[in-house]
C-alpha atoms as a PDB file:
ATOM      1  CA  MET A   1      67.549 -29.282  -3.322  1.00  0.00           C
ATOM      2  CA  LYS A   2      69.475 -26.108  -2.280  1.00  0.00           C
ATOM      3  CA  GLN A   3      67.903 -24.231  -4.962  1.00  0.00           C
ATOM      4  CA  LEU A   4      64.417 -25.746  -3.789  1.00  0.00           C
ATOM      5  CA  LEU A   5      65.095 -23.501  -0.470  1.00  0.00           C
ATOM      6  CA  SER A   6      66.612 -20.714  -2.150  1.00  0.00           C
ATOM      7  CA  ASN A   7      63.062 -20.263  -4.204  1.00  0.00           C
ATOM      8  CA  THR A   8      60.703 -20.818  -1.314  1.00  0.00           C
ATOM      9  CA  VAL A   9      62.038 -18.281   0.552  1.00  0.00           C
ATOM     10  CA  LEU A  10      62.036 -16.053  -2.245  1.00  0.00           C
ATOM     11  CA  ASN A  11      58.551 -16.696  -2.743  1.00  0.00           C
ATOM     12  CA  ARG A  12      57.567 -15.994   0.640  1.00  0.00           C
ATOM     13  CA  GLN A  13      59.574 -12.927   1.000  1.00  0.00           C
ATOM     14  CA  ASN A  14      57.763 -11.417  -2.548  1.00  0.00           C
ATOM     15  CA  MET A  15      54.393 -12.527  -1.221  1.00  0.00           C
ATOM     16  CA  PRO A  16      53.387  -8.893   0.290  1.00  0.00           C
ATOM     17  CA  LEU A  17      54.869  -7.229  -2.667  1.00  0.00           C
ATOM     18  CA  ILE A  18      52.882  -9.406  -4.420  1.00  0.00           C
ATOM     19  CA  LYS A  19      49.450  -8.814  -3.311  1.00  0.00           C
ATOM     20  CA  GLU A  20      50.357  -5.005  -2.998  1.00  0.00           C
ATOM     21  CA  ILE A  21      50.737  -5.152  -7.261  1.00  0.00           C
ATOM     22  CA  GLU A  22      47.665  -7.309  -6.532  1.00  0.00           C
ATOM     23  CA  GLU A  23      45.712  -4.712  -4.581  1.00  0.00           C
ATOM     24  CA  GLN A  24      46.354  -1.859  -6.830  1.00  0.00           C
ATOM     25  CA  LYS A  25      45.617  -3.789  -9.914  1.00  0.00           C
ATOM     26  CA  ASN A  26      42.062  -4.066  -8.575  1.00  0.00           C
ATOM     27  CA  LYS A  27      41.707  -0.841  -7.643  1.00  0.00           C
ATOM     28  CA  GLU A  28      42.959   0.486 -10.910  1.00  0.00           C
ATOM     29  CA  ARG A  29      40.277  -1.761 -12.599  1.00  0.00           C
ATOM     30  CA  ARG A  30      37.097  -0.720  -9.960  1.00  0.00           C
ATOM     31  CA  PHE A  31      38.315   2.970 -10.861  1.00  0.00           C
ATOM     32  CA  ALA A  32      38.688   2.513 -15.018  1.00  0.00           C
ATOM     33  CA  THR A  33      34.902   0.322 -14.640  1.00  0.00           C
ATOM     34  CA  GLY A  34      33.472   3.130 -12.645  1.00  0.00           C
ATOM     35  CA  PHE A  35      34.212   5.508 -15.022  1.00  0.00           C
ATOM     36  CA  LYS A  36      32.840   3.528 -18.061  1.00  0.00           C
ATOM     37  CA  ILE A  37      29.423   3.329 -16.200  1.00  0.00           C
ATOM     38  CA  PHE A  38      29.307   7.325 -15.028  1.00  0.00           C
ATOM     39  CA  LEU A  39      30.877   8.183 -18.899  1.00  0.00           C
ATOM     40  CA  ASN A  40      27.618   6.254 -20.522  1.00  0.00           C
ATOM     41  CA  VAL A  41      24.934   7.030 -17.531  1.00  0.00           C
ATOM     42  CA  PHE A  42      26.290  10.753 -18.068  1.00  0.00           C
ATOM     43  CA  GLY A  43      25.640  10.696 -21.611  1.00  0.00           C
ATOM     44  CA  TRP A  44      22.382   9.260 -21.667  1.00  0.00           C
ATOM     45  CA  ALA A  45      21.008  11.246 -19.386  1.00  0.00           C
ATOM     46  CA  VAL A  46      22.157  14.236 -21.442  1.00  0.00           C
ATOM     47  CA  TYR A  47      20.639  12.666 -24.916  1.00  0.00           C
ATOM     48  CA  TRP A  48      17.109  12.087 -23.212  1.00  0.00           C
ATOM     49  CA  HIS A  49      17.676  15.472 -21.049  1.00  0.00           C
ATOM     50  CA  SER A  50      18.216  17.793 -23.850  1.00  0.00           C
ATOM     51  CA  ARG A  51      15.826  19.909 -26.149  1.00  0.00           C
ATOM     52  CA  THR A  52      17.146  19.576 -29.324  1.00  0.00           C
ATOM     53  CA  PRO A  53      20.260  17.520 -31.125  1.00  0.00           C
ATOM     54  CA  ALA A  54      22.119  20.487 -31.839  1.00  0.00           C
ATOM     55  CA  SER A  55      22.339  20.906 -27.163  1.00  0.00           C
ATOM     56  CA  LEU A  56      24.885  17.254 -27.849  1.00  0.00           C
ATOM     57  CA  GLY A  57      27.419  18.721 -29.734  1.00  0.00           C
ATOM     58  CA  TRP A  58      30.589  17.131 -29.129  1.00  0.00           C
ATOM     59  CA  LEU A  59      29.264  14.750 -26.363  1.00  0.00           C
ATOM     60  CA  PRO A  60      28.363  11.420 -28.826  1.00  0.00           C
ATOM     61  CA  ALA A  61      31.615  11.766 -29.883  1.00  0.00           C
ATOM     62  CA  THR A  62      33.703  11.699 -26.806  1.00  0.00           C
ATOM     63  CA  VAL A  63      31.572   9.241 -25.361  1.00  0.00           C
ATOM     64  CA  VAL A  64      32.283   6.930 -28.270  1.00  0.00           C
ATOM     65  CA  ILE A  65      35.999   7.722 -28.331  1.00  0.00           C
ATOM     66  CA  LEU A  66      36.553   6.668 -24.169  1.00  0.00           C
ATOM     67  CA  GLN A  67      34.575   4.309 -24.286  1.00  0.00           C
ATOM     68  CA  ILE A  68      36.699   2.752 -27.629  1.00  0.00           C
ATOM     69  CA  LEU A  69      40.120   3.562 -25.159  1.00  0.00           C
ATOM     70  CA  THR A  70      38.127   2.052 -22.172  1.00  0.00           C
ATOM     71  CA  VAL A  71      35.812  -0.953 -22.902  1.00  0.00           C
ATOM     72  CA  PHE A  72      36.805  -2.099 -26.149  1.00  0.00           C
ATOM     73  CA  LYS A  73      40.668  -2.641 -24.656  1.00  0.00           C
ATOM     74  CA  ASP A  74      39.982  -5.154 -22.136  1.00  0.00           C
ATOM     75  CA  GLY A  75      38.121  -6.753 -25.546  1.00  0.00           C
ATOM     76  CA  VAL A  76      41.248  -6.920 -26.794  1.00  0.00           C
ATOM     77  CA  ARG A  77      43.245  -8.163 -23.754  1.00  0.00           C
ATOM     78  CA  ALA A  78      40.617 -11.228 -23.657  1.00  0.00           C
ATOM     79  CA  VAL A  79      41.411 -12.449 -27.139  1.00  0.00           C
ATOM     80  CA  GLY A  80      44.611 -11.867 -26.587  1.00  0.00           C
ATOM     81  CA  GLY A  81      44.847 -14.456 -23.500  1.00  0.00           C
ATOM     82  CA  ALA A  82      44.498 -12.101 -20.570  1.00  0.00           C
ATOM     83  CA  ASN A  83      42.943 -13.087 -17.405  1.00  0.00           C
ATOM     84  CA  THR A  84      39.960 -10.809 -16.917  1.00  0.00           C
ATOM     85  CA  ARG A  85      37.262 -11.939 -14.823  1.00  0.00           C
ATOM     86  CA  LYS A  86      33.517 -12.822 -16.177  1.00  0.00           C
ATOM     87  CA  SER A  87      31.940  -9.804 -14.273  1.00  0.00           C
ATOM     88  CA  SER A  88      34.473  -6.929 -15.768  1.00  0.00           C
ATOM     89  CA  MET A  89      33.556  -9.062 -19.484  1.00  0.00           C
ATOM     90  CA  LEU A  90      30.109  -8.406 -18.496  1.00  0.00           C
ATOM     91  CA  ILE A  91      29.910  -4.677 -17.383  1.00  0.00           C
ATOM     92  CA  ASN A  92      32.321  -4.373 -21.050  1.00  0.00           C
ATOM     93  CA  ILE A  93      29.600  -5.636 -23.094  1.00  0.00           C
ATOM     94  CA  ALA A  94      26.914  -4.227 -21.503  1.00  0.00           C
ATOM     95  CA  LEU A  95      28.759  -1.134 -22.092  1.00  0.00           C
ATOM     96  CA  GLY A  96      29.671  -1.671 -25.459  1.00  0.00           C
ATOM     97  CA  THR A  97      26.591  -1.760 -26.395  1.00  0.00           C
ATOM     98  CA  SER A  98      24.796   0.479 -24.547  1.00  0.00           C
ATOM     99  CA  THR A  99      28.068   2.919 -26.453  1.00  0.00           C
ATOM    100  CA  ILE A 100      26.605   1.682 -29.937  1.00  0.00           C
ATOM    101  CA  ILE A 101      23.074   2.509 -29.473  1.00  0.00           C
ATOM    102  CA  PHE A 102      23.528   6.005 -27.564  1.00  0.00           C
ATOM    103  CA  LEU A 103      25.936   6.983 -30.748  1.00  0.00           C
ATOM    104  CA  PHE A 104      24.049   6.229 -33.826  1.00  0.00           C
ATOM    105  CA  ALA A 105      20.499   6.941 -32.063  1.00  0.00           C
ATOM    106  CA  ALA A 106      22.208  10.159 -31.641  1.00  0.00           C
ATOM    107  CA  ILE A 107      22.943  10.712 -34.918  1.00  0.00           C
ATOM    108  CA  TYR A 108      19.368   9.092 -35.895  1.00  0.00           C
ATOM    109  CA  TRP A 109      18.348  12.498 -33.759  1.00  0.00           C
ATOM    110  CA  SER A 110      20.527  14.904 -35.465  1.00  0.00           C
ATOM    111  CA  ILE A 111      19.232  13.731 -39.145  1.00  0.00           C
ATOM    112  CA  GLY A 112      15.719  12.727 -38.398  1.00  0.00           C
ATOM    113  CA  SER A 113      14.253  14.625 -40.952  1.00  0.00           C
ATOM    114  CA  LYS A 114      11.349  14.389 -43.085  1.00  0.00           C
ATOM    115  CA  THR A 115      13.986  14.373 -46.041  1.00  0.00           C
ATOM    116  CA  ASN A 116      15.648  11.466 -44.399  1.00  0.00           C
ATOM    117  CA  PHE A 117      13.359   9.340 -42.783  1.00  0.00           C
ATOM    118  CA  GLY A 118       9.901   9.483 -44.069  1.00  0.00           C
ATOM    119  CA  PRO A 119       6.504  11.745 -43.395  1.00  0.00           C
ATOM    120  CA  GLN A 120       7.411  13.536 -39.956  1.00  0.00           C
ATOM    121  CA  GLN A 121      10.778  14.193 -37.757  1.00  0.00           C
ATOM    122  CA  LEU A 122      12.377  11.662 -35.231  1.00  0.00           C
ATOM    123  CA  SER A 123      11.867  12.491 -31.711  1.00  0.00           C
ATOM    124  CA  ARG A 124      14.397  11.143 -29.381  1.00  0.00           C
ATOM    125  CA  LEU A 125      12.429   8.422 -28.530  1.00  0.00           C
ATOM    126  CA  ASP A 126      12.239   7.702 -32.322  1.00  0.00           C
ATOM    127  CA  ALA A 127      15.983   7.945 -32.778  1.00  0.00           C
ATOM    128  CA  PHE A 128      16.117   5.664 -30.033  1.00  0.00           C
ATOM    129  CA  TYR A 129      13.500   3.143 -31.127  1.00  0.00           C
ATOM    130  CA  PHE A 130      15.111   2.961 -34.781  1.00  0.00           C
ATOM    131  CA  THR A 131      18.365   2.300 -33.406  1.00  0.00           C
ATOM    132  CA  LEU A 132      17.626  -0.289 -31.143  1.00  0.00           C
ATOM    133  CA  GLY A 133      15.329  -2.332 -34.190  1.00  0.00           C
ATOM    134  CA  THR A 134      18.068  -1.956 -36.550  1.00  0.00           C
ATOM    135  CA  PHE A 135      21.010  -3.189 -33.717  1.00  0.00           C
ATOM    136  CA  THR A 136      18.578  -6.241 -32.916  1.00  0.00           C
ATOM    137  CA  THR A 137      17.207  -6.560 -36.168  1.00  0.00           C
ATOM    138  CA  ALA A 138      13.582  -6.790 -34.529  1.00  0.00           C
ATOM    139  CA  GLY A 139      12.693  -4.177 -37.267  1.00  0.00           C
ATOM    140  CA  THR A 140      11.415  -0.593 -36.929  1.00  0.00           C
ATOM    141  CA  GLY A 141       7.963  -0.463 -37.677  1.00  0.00           C
ATOM    142  CA  ALA A 142       6.968   2.702 -40.029  1.00  0.00           C
ATOM    143  CA  ILE A 143      10.618   4.639 -39.882  1.00  0.00           C
ATOM    144  CA  ALA A 144      12.734   3.881 -42.416  1.00  0.00           C
ATOM    145  CA  PRO A 145      15.243   5.724 -44.024  1.00  0.00           C
ATOM    146  CA  ILE A 146      14.825   7.010 -47.656  1.00  0.00           C
ATOM    147  CA  SER A 147      17.621   9.543 -48.241  1.00  0.00           C
ATOM    148  CA  PRO A 148      21.300   8.396 -49.301  1.00  0.00           C
ATOM    149  CA  LEU A 149      22.536   9.553 -46.647  1.00  0.00           C
ATOM    150  CA  ALA A 150      20.155   8.305 -44.060  1.00  0.00           C
ATOM    151  CA  ARG A 151      20.661   4.414 -46.211  1.00  0.00           C
ATOM    152  CA  THR A 152      24.293   5.188 -45.885  1.00  0.00           C
ATOM    153  CA  ILE A 153      24.181   5.749 -42.096  1.00  0.00           C
ATOM    154  CA  VAL A 154      22.174   2.615 -41.021  1.00  0.00           C
ATOM    155  CA  SER A 155      24.520   0.731 -43.646  1.00  0.00           C
ATOM    156  CA  CYS A 156      27.830   1.986 -41.256  1.00  0.00           C
ATOM    157  CA  GLN A 157      25.189   0.866 -38.074  1.00  0.00           C
ATOM    158  CA  TYR A 158      24.661  -3.064 -39.692  1.00  0.00           C
ATOM    159  CA  ILE A 159      28.592  -3.285 -40.389  1.00  0.00           C
ATOM    160  CA  VAL A 160      29.638  -2.022 -36.832  1.00  0.00           C
ATOM    161  CA  ASP A 161      27.113  -4.230 -34.853  1.00  0.00           C
ATOM    162  CA  LEU A 162      28.434  -7.380 -37.054  1.00  0.00           C
ATOM    163  CA  VAL A 163      31.702  -6.081 -36.219  1.00  0.00           C
ATOM    164  CA  TYR A 164      30.816  -6.004 -31.993  1.00  0.00           C
ATOM    165  CA  VAL A 165      28.687  -8.866 -32.526  1.00  0.00           C
ATOM    166  CA  ALA A 166      31.479 -11.023 -33.843  1.00  0.00           C
ATOM    167  CA  GLY A 167      34.172  -9.601 -31.272  1.00  0.00           C
ATOM    168  CA  ILE A 168      31.397 -10.606 -28.805  1.00  0.00           C
ATOM    169  CA  ILE A 169      31.628 -14.230 -30.007  1.00  0.00           C
ATOM    170  CA  ALA A 170      35.227 -14.604 -30.559  1.00  0.00           C
ATOM    171  CA  ILE A 171      35.683 -13.125 -27.024  1.00  0.00           C
ATOM    172  CA  GLY A 172      33.387 -15.955 -25.580  1.00  0.00           C
ATOM    173  CA  VAL A 173      35.228 -18.484 -27.507  1.00  0.00           C
ATOM    174  CA  ALA A 174      38.732 -17.441 -26.286  1.00  0.00           C
ATOM    175  CA  ARG A 175      37.815 -17.434 -22.874  1.00  0.00           C
ATOM    176  CA  LEU A 176      35.592 -21.334 -23.236  1.00  0.00           C
ATOM    177  CA  THR A 177      38.427 -22.468 -25.202  1.00  0.00           C
ATOM    178  CA  PRO A 178      41.373 -23.758 -21.918  1.00  0.00           C
ATOM    179  CA  SER A 179      44.620 -23.127 -23.696  1.00  0.00           C
ATOM    180  CA  GLY A 180      46.227 -26.593 -23.861  1.00  0.00           C
ATOM    181  CA  ALA A 181      43.081 -27.872 -25.884  1.00  0.00           C
ATOM    182  CA  GLN A 182      43.672 -30.178 -28.071  1.00  0.00           C
ATOM    183  CA  PRO A 183      41.725 -30.573 -31.489  1.00  0.00           C
ATOM    184  CA  VAL A 184      39.102 -33.498 -31.794  1.00  0.00           C
ATOM    185  CA  PRO A 185      38.789 -34.983 -35.172  1.00  0.00           C
ATOM    186  CA  SER A 186      35.497 -36.711 -36.351  1.00  0.00           C
ATOM    187  CA  GLY A 187      36.471 -40.076 -35.234  1.00  0.00           C
ATOM    188  CA  GLY A 188      36.491 -38.402 -31.465  1.00  0.00           C
ATOM    189  CA  GLN A 189      40.090 -39.463 -30.823  1.00  0.00           C
ATOM    190  CA  PRO A 190      41.553 -36.242 -29.621  1.00  0.00           C
ATOM    191  CA  VAL A 191      45.029 -35.883 -31.627  1.00  0.00           C
ATOM    192  CA  PRO A 192      48.603 -36.663 -30.376  1.00  0.00           C
ATOM    193  CA  SER A 193      51.302 -33.464 -29.764  1.00  0.00           C
ATOM    194  CA  ARG A 194      54.157 -34.219 -30.744  1.00  0.00           C
ATOM    195  CA  ALA A 195      54.916 -34.252 -26.611  1.00  0.00           C
ATOM    196  CA  GLN A 196      52.884 -37.484 -26.823  1.00  0.00           C
ATOM    197  CA  PRO A 197      55.764 -40.643 -29.045  1.00  0.00           C
ATOM    198  CA  ARG A 198      58.282 -38.879 -27.538  1.00  0.00           C
ATOM    199  CA  LYS A 199      57.490 -39.835 -24.155  1.00  0.00           C
ATOM    200  CA  ALA A 200      55.859 -43.420 -25.883  1.00  0.00           C
ATOM    201  CA  ARG A 201      59.705 -43.816 -27.600  1.00  0.00           C
ATOM    202  CA  GLY A 202      60.935 -43.183 -23.557  1.00  0.00           C
ATOM    203  CA  LYS A 203      58.497 -45.622 -22.221  1.00  0.00           C
ATOM    204  CA  THR A 204      59.232 -48.685 -25.128  1.00  0.00           C
ATOM    205  CA  ARG A 205      63.279 -48.285 -25.059  1.00  0.00           C
ATOM    206  CA  GLY A 206      63.144 -48.243 -21.018  1.00  0.00           C
ATOM    207  CA  ASN A 207      61.402 -51.343 -21.292  1.00  0.00           C
ATOM    208  CA  ARG A 208      63.705 -52.684 -23.315  1.00  0.00           C
ATOM    209  CA  THR A 209      66.811 -52.301 -21.104  1.00  0.00           C
ATOM    210  CA  ARG A 210      65.080 -53.101 -18.204  1.00  0.00           C
ATOM    211  CA  ARG A 211      64.590 -56.726 -20.684  1.00  0.00           C
END
């Protein structure tokens, strides 16, 4: 009883410290989310306002690296069982999708010559359209890679898209599956855990002693 009272007093004393830590974490999350959104919007703004692919410079690689360090870290934490908000997960998924499309749109625009993509030079809109069609598997119309370089990059996008979608599914399963869930066989009855037989034995022994 004394131990319980002491623990209760310690918890009450630590409540202000716990609240302060939670507020600090919330501030860090809001700052990280704002930075990710700003970085993504800034990258797309530069993409649509650039006259030539060369003017992009190292911006696509910089945006992708920073987004990987910020967005996908939260995805790994979610798969590992960390407590993340649904709104934060949706934002990370949207920003991750935007980052992939931005990266490959910049690459296709940079190599979008007649040698790589057919009869005409790819514009910014053509590169964006081709990337979006490849990502969603909806088709790319008359635009098609014809050189080994273009086909290699398109194949790389296929792999990245598959890994990304598989990661989103893994995160969703990790979030929706309770931590204490038990597998259910084909018969419909849940598999008893190892602790259940022990409890049953304890009950039977208690019943015997009472008799």
